PDB file of N, CA and C in Angstrom:
ATOM      1  N   MET A   1     104.604  23.314 167.327  1.00  0.00           N
ATOM      2  CA  MET A   1     105.531  24.076 168.123  1.00  0.00           C
ATOM      3  C   MET A   1     106.136  23.189 169.218  1.00  0.00           C
ATOM      4  N   VAL A   2     105.302  22.342 169.796  1.00  0.00           N
ATOM      5  CA  VAL A   2     105.811  21.447 170.844  1.00  0.00           C
ATOM      6  C   VAL A   2     106.867  20.520 170.258  1.00  0.00           C
ATOM      7  N   GLN A   3     106.622  20.017 169.054  1.00  0.00           N
ATOM      8  CA  GLN A   3     107.618  19.154 168.410  1.00  0.00           C
ATOM      9  C   GLN A   3     108.913  19.901 168.158  1.00  0.00           C
ATOM     10  N   ARG A   4     108.820  21.128 167.719  1.00  0.00           N
ATOM     11  CA  ARG A   4     110.023  21.923 167.443  1.00  0.00           C
ATOM     12  C   ARG A   4     110.842  22.131 168.703  1.00  0.00           C
ATOM     13  N   CYS A   5     110.180  22.229 169.840  1.00  0.00           N
ATOM     14  CA  CYS A   5     110.876  22.494 171.096  1.00  0.00           C
ATOM     15  C   CYS A   5     111.194  21.225 171.881  1.00  0.00           C
ATOM     16  N   SER A   6     110.761  20.088 171.399  1.00  0.00           N
ATOM     17  CA  SER A   6     110.955  18.850 172.163  1.00  0.00           C
ATOM     18  C   SER A   6     112.427  18.486 172.340  1.00  0.00           C
ATOM     19  N   GLY A   7     113.282  18.973 171.495  1.00  0.00           N
ATOM     20  CA  GLY A   7     114.717  18.719 171.645  1.00  0.00           C
ATOM     21  C   GLY A   7     115.399  19.703 172.573  1.00  0.00           C
ATOM     22  N   HIS A   8     114.625  20.656 173.095  1.00  0.00           N
ATOM     23  CA  HIS A   8     115.179  21.690 173.970  1.00  0.00           C
ATOM     24  C   HIS A   8     114.542  21.589 175.346  1.00  0.00           C
ATOM     25  N   LEU A   9     114.926  20.580 176.059  1.00  0.00           N
ATOM     26  CA  LEU A   9     114.411  20.367 177.409  1.00  0.00           C
ATOM     27  C   LEU A   9     115.481  20.727 178.426  1.00  0.00           C
ATOM     28  N   ARG A  10     115.047  21.074 179.608  1.00  0.00           N
ATOM     29  CA  ARG A  10     115.958  21.324 180.726  1.00  0.00           C
ATOM     30  C   ARG A  10     115.866  20.132 181.662  1.00  0.00           C
ATOM     31  N   PHE A  11     116.972  19.833 182.309  1.00  0.00           N
ATOM     32  CA  PHE A  11     117.039  18.675 183.192  1.00  0.00           C
ATOM     33  C   PHE A  11     117.535  19.085 184.566  1.00  0.00           C
ATOM     34  N   TYR A  12     117.045  18.392 185.579  1.00  0.00           N
ATOM     35  CA  TYR A  12     117.568  18.554 186.930  1.00  0.00           C
ATOM     36  C   TYR A  12     118.928  17.874 187.009  1.00  0.00           C
ATOM     37  N   PRO A  13     119.749  18.211 187.996  1.00  0.00           N
ATOM     38  CA  PRO A  13     121.070  17.579 188.115  1.00  0.00           C
ATOM     39  C   PRO A  13     121.021  16.046 188.189  1.00  0.00           C
ATOM     40  N   ASN A  14     119.926  15.486 188.698  1.00  0.00           N
ATOM     41  CA  ASN A  14     119.828  14.028 188.786  1.00  0.00           C
ATOM     42  C   ASN A  14     119.404  13.387 187.464  1.00  0.00           C
ATOM     43  N   GLY A  15     119.154  14.223 186.423  1.00  0.00           N
ATOM     44  CA  GLY A  15     118.804  13.702 185.109  1.00  0.00           C
ATOM     45  C   GLY A  15     117.321  13.704 184.795  1.00  0.00           C
ATOM     46  N   ASP A  16     116.476  13.999 185.785  1.00  0.00           N
ATOM     47  CA  ASP A  16     115.036  14.069 185.539  1.00  0.00           C
ATOM     48  C   ASP A  16     114.707  15.286 184.680  1.00  0.00           C
ATOM     49  N   ILE A  17     113.653  15.186 183.900  1.00  0.00           N
ATOM     50  CA  ILE A  17     113.234  16.288 183.037  1.00  0.00           C
ATOM     51  C   ILE A  17     112.600  17.389 183.885  1.00  0.00           C
ATOM     52  N   ALA A  18     113.094  18.629 183.712  1.00  0.00           N
ATOM     53  CA  ALA A  18     112.559  19.779 184.434  1.00  0.00           C
ATOM     54  C   ALA A  18     111.499  20.508 183.620  1.00  0.00           C
ATOM     55  N   GLY A  19     111.541  20.362 182.307  1.00  0.00           N
ATOM     56  CA  GLY A  19     110.567  21.024 181.442  1.00  0.00           C
ATOM     57  C   GLY A  19     111.240  21.611 180.217  1.00  0.00           C
ATOM     58  N   PHE A  20     110.496  22.400 179.490  1.00  0.00           N
ATOM     59  CA  PHE A  20     111.004  23.010 178.271  1.00  0.00           C
ATOM     60  C   PHE A  20     111.959  24.153 178.599  1.00  0.00           C
ATOM     61  N   ASP A  21     112.927  24.366 177.737  1.00  0.00           N
ATOM     62  CA  ASP A  21     113.852  25.485 177.859  1.00  0.00           C
ATOM     63  C   ASP A  21     113.128  26.712 177.299  1.00  0.00           C
ATOM     64  N   ILE A  22     112.565  27.508 178.181  1.00  0.00           N
ATOM     65  CA  ILE A  22     111.702  28.619 177.789  1.00  0.00           C
ATOM     66  C   ILE A  22     112.432  29.680 176.955  1.00  0.00           C
ATOM     67  N   PRO A  23     113.653  30.102 177.310  1.00  0.00           N
ATOM     68  CA  PRO A  23     114.322  31.086 176.450  1.00  0.00           C
ATOM     69  C   PRO A  23     114.495  30.597 175.005  1.00  0.00           C
ATOM     70  N   THR A  24     114.813  29.331 174.844  1.00  0.00           N
ATOM     71  CA  THR A  24     114.936  28.774 173.489  1.00  0.00           C
ATOM     72  C   THR A  24     113.577  28.741 172.803  1.00  0.00           C
ATOM     73  N   ALA A  25     112.557  28.341 173.533  1.00  0.00           N
ATOM     74  CA  ALA A  25     111.205  28.294 172.963  1.00  0.00           C
ATOM     75  C   ALA A  25     110.748  29.687 172.532  1.00  0.00           C
ATOM     76  N   LEU A  26     111.075  30.697 173.318  1.00  0.00           N
ATOM     77  CA  LEU A  26     110.707  32.062 172.945  1.00  0.00           C
ATOM     78  C   LEU A  26     111.454  32.505 171.688  1.00  0.00           C
ATOM     79  N   GLY A  27     112.700  32.095 171.561  1.00  0.00           N
ATOM     80  CA  GLY A  27     113.455  32.408 170.350  1.00  0.00           C
ATOM     81  C   GLY A  27     112.831  31.785 169.114  1.00  0.00           C
ATOM     82  N   VAL A  28     112.420  30.533 169.235  1.00  0.00           N
ATOM     83  CA  VAL A  28     111.758  29.843 168.121  1.00  0.00           C
ATOM     84  C   VAL A  28     110.425  30.532 167.812  1.00  0.00           C
ATOM     85  N   THR A  29     109.701  30.896 168.864  1.00  0.00           N
ATOM     86  CA  THR A  29     108.419  31.578 168.704  1.00  0.00           C
ATOM     87  C   THR A  29     108.585  32.879 167.919  1.00  0.00           C
ATOM     88  N   GLN A  30     109.567  33.666 168.303  1.00  0.00           N
ATOM     89  CA  GLN A  30     109.815  34.941 167.624  1.00  0.00           C
ATOM     90  C   GLN A  30     110.263  34.718 166.185  1.00  0.00           C
ATOM     91  N   ALA A  31     111.127  33.741 165.976  1.00  0.00           N
ATOM     92  CA  ALA A  31     111.628  33.468 164.627  1.00  0.00           C
ATOM     93  C   ALA A  31     110.501  33.056 163.681  1.00  0.00           C
ATOM     94  N   LEU A  32     109.513  32.348 164.207  1.00  0.00           N
ATOM     95  CA  LEU A  32     108.400  31.888 163.380  1.00  0.00           C
ATOM     96  C   LEU A  32     107.260  32.906 163.302  1.00  0.00           C
ATOM     97  N   GLY A  33     107.354  33.956 164.105  1.00  0.00           N
ATOM     98  CA  GLY A  33     106.324  34.988 164.082  1.00  0.00           C
ATOM     99  C   GLY A  33     105.051  34.629 164.817  1.00  0.00           C
ATOM    100  N   TYR A  34     105.142  33.699 165.761  1.00  0.00           N
ATOM    101  CA  TYR A  34     103.969  33.307 166.537  1.00  0.00           C
ATOM    102  C   TYR A  34     103.772  34.266 167.707  1.00  0.00           C
ATOM    103  N   ARG A  35     102.580  34.254 168.264  1.00  0.00           N
ATOM    104  CA  ARG A  35     102.276  35.078 169.432  1.00  0.00           C
ATOM    105  C   ARG A  35     102.844  34.406 170.671  1.00  0.00           C
ATOM    106  N   GLU A  36     103.675  35.139 171.401  1.00  0.00           N
ATOM    107  CA  GLU A  36     104.375  34.577 172.565  1.00  0.00           C
ATOM    108  C   GLU A  36     103.415  34.059 173.627  1.00  0.00           C
ATOM    109  N   ARG A  37     102.399  34.822 173.946  1.00  0.00           N
ATOM    110  CA  ARG A  37     101.470  34.405 175.002  1.00  0.00           C
ATOM    111  C   ARG A  37     100.781  33.092 174.638  1.00  0.00           C
ATOM    112  N   THR A  38     100.374  32.961 173.404  1.00  0.00           N
ATOM    113  CA  THR A  38      99.698  31.752 172.955  1.00  0.00           C
ATOM    114  C   THR A  38     100.628  30.550 173.051  1.00  0.00           C
ATOM    115  N   VAL A  39     101.856  30.712 172.609  1.00  0.00           N
ATOM    116  CA  VAL A  39     102.816  29.608 172.657  1.00  0.00           C
ATOM    117  C   VAL A  39     103.163  29.255 174.096  1.00  0.00           C
ATOM    118  N   MET A  40     103.284  30.235 174.961  1.00  0.00           N
ATOM    119  CA  MET A  40     103.600  29.948 176.366  1.00  0.00           C
ATOM    120  C   MET A  40     102.458  29.173 177.029  1.00  0.00           C
ATOM    121  N   LEU A  41     101.217  29.496 176.672  1.00  0.00           N
ATOM    122  CA  LEU A  41     100.080  28.729 177.202  1.00  0.00           C
ATOM    123  C   LEU A  41     100.119  27.290 176.688  1.00  0.00           C
ATOM    124  N   LEU A  42     100.445  27.123 175.418  1.00  0.00           N
ATOM    125  CA  LEU A  42     100.567  25.791 174.836  1.00  0.00           C
ATOM    126  C   LEU A  42     101.668  25.001 175.533  1.00  0.00           C
ATOM    127  N   LEU A  43     102.827  25.629 175.706  1.00  0.00           N
ATOM    128  CA  LEU A  43     103.950  24.927 176.334  1.00  0.00           C
ATOM    129  C   LEU A  43     103.680  24.628 177.810  1.00  0.00           C
ATOM    130  N   GLU A  44     102.915  25.469 178.467  1.00  0.00           N
ATOM    131  CA  GLU A  44     102.547  25.195 179.861  1.00  0.00           C
ATOM    132  C   GLU A  44     101.745  23.899 179.947  1.00  0.00           C
ATOM    133  N   SER A  45     100.798  23.736 179.046  1.00  0.00           N
ATOM    134  CA  SER A  45     100.001  22.502 179.017  1.00  0.00           C
ATOM    135  C   SER A  45     100.848  21.306 178.609  1.00  0.00           C
ATOM    136  N   ALA A  46     101.702  21.503 177.610  1.00  0.00           N
ATOM    137  CA  ALA A  46     102.578  20.413 177.165  1.00  0.00           C
ATOM    138  C   ALA A  46     103.539  20.014 178.271  1.00  0.00           C
ATOM    139  N   ASP A  47     104.036  20.985 179.023  1.00  0.00           N
ATOM    140  CA  ASP A  47     104.945  20.719 180.128  1.00  0.00           C
ATOM    141  C   ASP A  47     104.254  19.892 181.210  1.00  0.00           C
ATOM    142  N   SER A  48     103.009  20.231 181.509  1.00  0.00           N
ATOM    143  CA  SER A  48     102.242  19.455 182.496  1.00  0.00           C
ATOM    144  C   SER A  48     102.048  18.017 182.016  1.00  0.00           C
ATOM    145  N   GLY A  49     101.724  17.857 180.741  1.00  0.00           N
ATOM    146  CA  GLY A  49     101.563  16.523 180.174  1.00  0.00           C
ATOM    147  C   GLY A  49     102.857  15.735 180.178  1.00  0.00           C
ATOM    148  N   LEU A  50     103.950  16.411 179.902  1.00  0.00           N
ATOM    149  CA  LEU A  50     105.263  15.765 179.914  1.00  0.00           C
ATOM    150  C   LEU A  50     105.595  15.251 181.310  1.00  0.00           C
ATOM    151  N   LYS A  51     105.379  16.092 182.304  1.00  0.00           N
ATOM    152  CA  LYS A  51     105.676  15.684 183.683  1.00  0.00           C
ATOM    153  C   LYS A  51     104.775  14.532 184.131  1.00  0.00           C
ATOM    154  N   GLU A  52     103.511  14.568 183.724  1.00  0.00           N
ATOM    155  CA  GLU A  52     102.588  13.479 184.058  1.00  0.00           C
ATOM    156  C   GLU A  52     103.037  12.175 183.398  1.00  0.00           C
ATOM    157  N   ALA A  53     103.470  12.245 182.146  1.00  0.00           N
ATOM    158  CA  ALA A  53     103.932  11.049 181.434  1.00  0.00           C
ATOM    159  C   ALA A  53     105.176  10.475 182.091  1.00  0.00           C
ATOM    160  N   VAL A  54     106.082  11.343 182.531  1.00  0.00           N
ATOM    161  CA  VAL A  54     107.297  10.871 183.199  1.00  0.00           C
ATOM    162  C   VAL A  54     106.935  10.193 184.514  1.00  0.00           C
ATOM    163  N   GLN A  55     105.964  10.748 185.240  1.00  0.00           N
ATOM    164  CA  GLN A  55     105.538  10.128 186.493  1.00  0.00           C
ATOM    165  C   GLN A  55     104.936   8.752 186.255  1.00  0.00           C
ATOM    166  N   LYS A  56     104.143   8.616 185.197  1.00  0.00           N
ATOM    167  CA  LYS A  56     103.478   7.345 184.906  1.00  0.00           C
ATOM    168  C   LYS A  56     104.411   6.308 184.299  1.00  0.00           C
ATOM    169  N   HIS A  57     105.292   6.760 183.415  1.00  0.00           N
ATOM    170  CA  HIS A  57     106.074   5.813 182.619  1.00  0.00           C
ATOM    171  C   HIS A  57     107.580   5.894 182.824  1.00  0.00           C
ATOM    172  N   GLY A  58     108.037   6.788 183.658  1.00  0.00           N
ATOM    173  CA  GLY A  58     109.466   6.931 183.878  1.00  0.00           C
ATOM    174  C   GLY A  58     110.091   7.871 182.867  1.00  0.00           C
ATOM    175  N   ASN A  59     111.366   8.093 183.043  1.00  0.00           N
ATOM    176  CA  ASN A  59     112.120   9.032 182.223  1.00  0.00           C
ATOM    177  C   ASN A  59     112.881   8.248 181.163  1.00  0.00           C
ATOM    178  N   HIS A  60     112.158   7.707 180.164  1.00  0.00           N
ATOM    179  CA  HIS A  60     112.762   6.889 179.123  1.00  0.00           C
ATOM    180  C   HIS A  60     113.359   7.739 178.025  1.00  0.00           C
ATOM    181  N   ASP A  61     114.236   7.130 177.265  1.00  0.00           N
ATOM    182  CA  ASP A  61     114.796   7.763 176.075  1.00  0.00           C
ATOM    183  C   ASP A  61     113.653   8.052 175.108  1.00  0.00           C
ATOM    184  N   PRO A  62     113.495   9.316 174.633  1.00  0.00           N
ATOM    185  CA  PRO A  62     112.373   9.625 173.746  1.00  0.00           C
ATOM    186  C   PRO A  62     112.396   8.841 172.440  1.00  0.00           C
ATOM    187  N   ALA A  63     113.524   8.265 172.075  1.00  0.00           N
ATOM    188  CA  ALA A  63     113.591   7.468 170.846  1.00  0.00           C
ATOM    189  C   ALA A  63     112.744   6.211 170.971  1.00  0.00           C
ATOM    190  N   THR A  64     112.419   5.808 172.211  1.00  0.00           N
ATOM    191  CA  THR A  64     111.644   4.585 172.410  1.00  0.00           C
ATOM    192  C   THR A  64     110.147   4.861 172.520  1.00  0.00           C
ATOM    193  N   VAL A  65     109.748   6.123 172.420  1.00  0.00           N
ATOM    194  CA  VAL A  65     108.340   6.467 172.534  1.00  0.00           C
ATOM    195  C   VAL A  65     107.612   6.033 171.257  1.00  0.00           C
ATOM    196  N   ASP A  66     106.521   5.311 171.459  1.00  0.00           N
ATOM    197  CA  ASP A  66     105.707   4.839 170.343  1.00  0.00           C
ATOM    198  C   ASP A  66     104.329   5.480 170.464  1.00  0.00           C
ATOM    199  N   PRO A  67     104.040   6.557 169.681  1.00  0.00           N
ATOM    200  CA  PRO A  67     102.764   7.238 169.824  1.00  0.00           C
ATOM    201  C   PRO A  67     101.562   6.367 169.526  1.00  0.00           C
ATOM    202  N   ASP A  68     101.740   5.320 168.748  1.00  0.00           N
ATOM    203  CA  ASP A  68     100.628   4.419 168.437  1.00  0.00           C
ATOM    204  C   ASP A  68     100.223   3.573 169.641  1.00  0.00           C
ATOM    205  N   ARG A  69     101.163   3.377 170.556  1.00  0.00           N
ATOM    206  CA  ARG A  69     100.870   2.575 171.749  1.00  0.00           C
ATOM    207  C   ARG A  69     100.554   3.438 172.958  1.00  0.00           C
ATOM    208  N   GLY A  70     100.667   4.768 172.815  1.00  0.00           N
ATOM    209  CA  GLY A  70     100.320   5.666 173.904  1.00  0.00           C
ATOM    210  C   GLY A  70     101.431   5.899 174.916  1.00  0.00           C
ATOM    211  N   TYR A  71     102.652   5.503 174.587  1.00  0.00           N
ATOM    212  CA  TYR A  71     103.786   5.801 175.476  1.00  0.00           C
ATOM    213  C   TYR A  71     105.041   5.957 174.695  1.00  0.00           C
TER     214      TYR A  71
END
C-alpha cells in the first residue's frame, strides 16, 4: 500500500515533503477494499519514516534511492 501511494505525496511550498496525500490514499484504500483504519495506521508509520529519512539524507529525487544500500 505504501508503494502504491508513494507517487502521491504532498509538498510544502519550499519543495520539502509534507507527507502522503491522505484523500488519495483513502481512495486507493477504498478501491482495493482495505480497512481504512489499518491503512491509516500503516501510512502514519510510513510518513514518520519518510520524514526521518528526509532529515537524515535530504530531499533527494526518489529515482536515486537504492534500497540495497539503505538510502
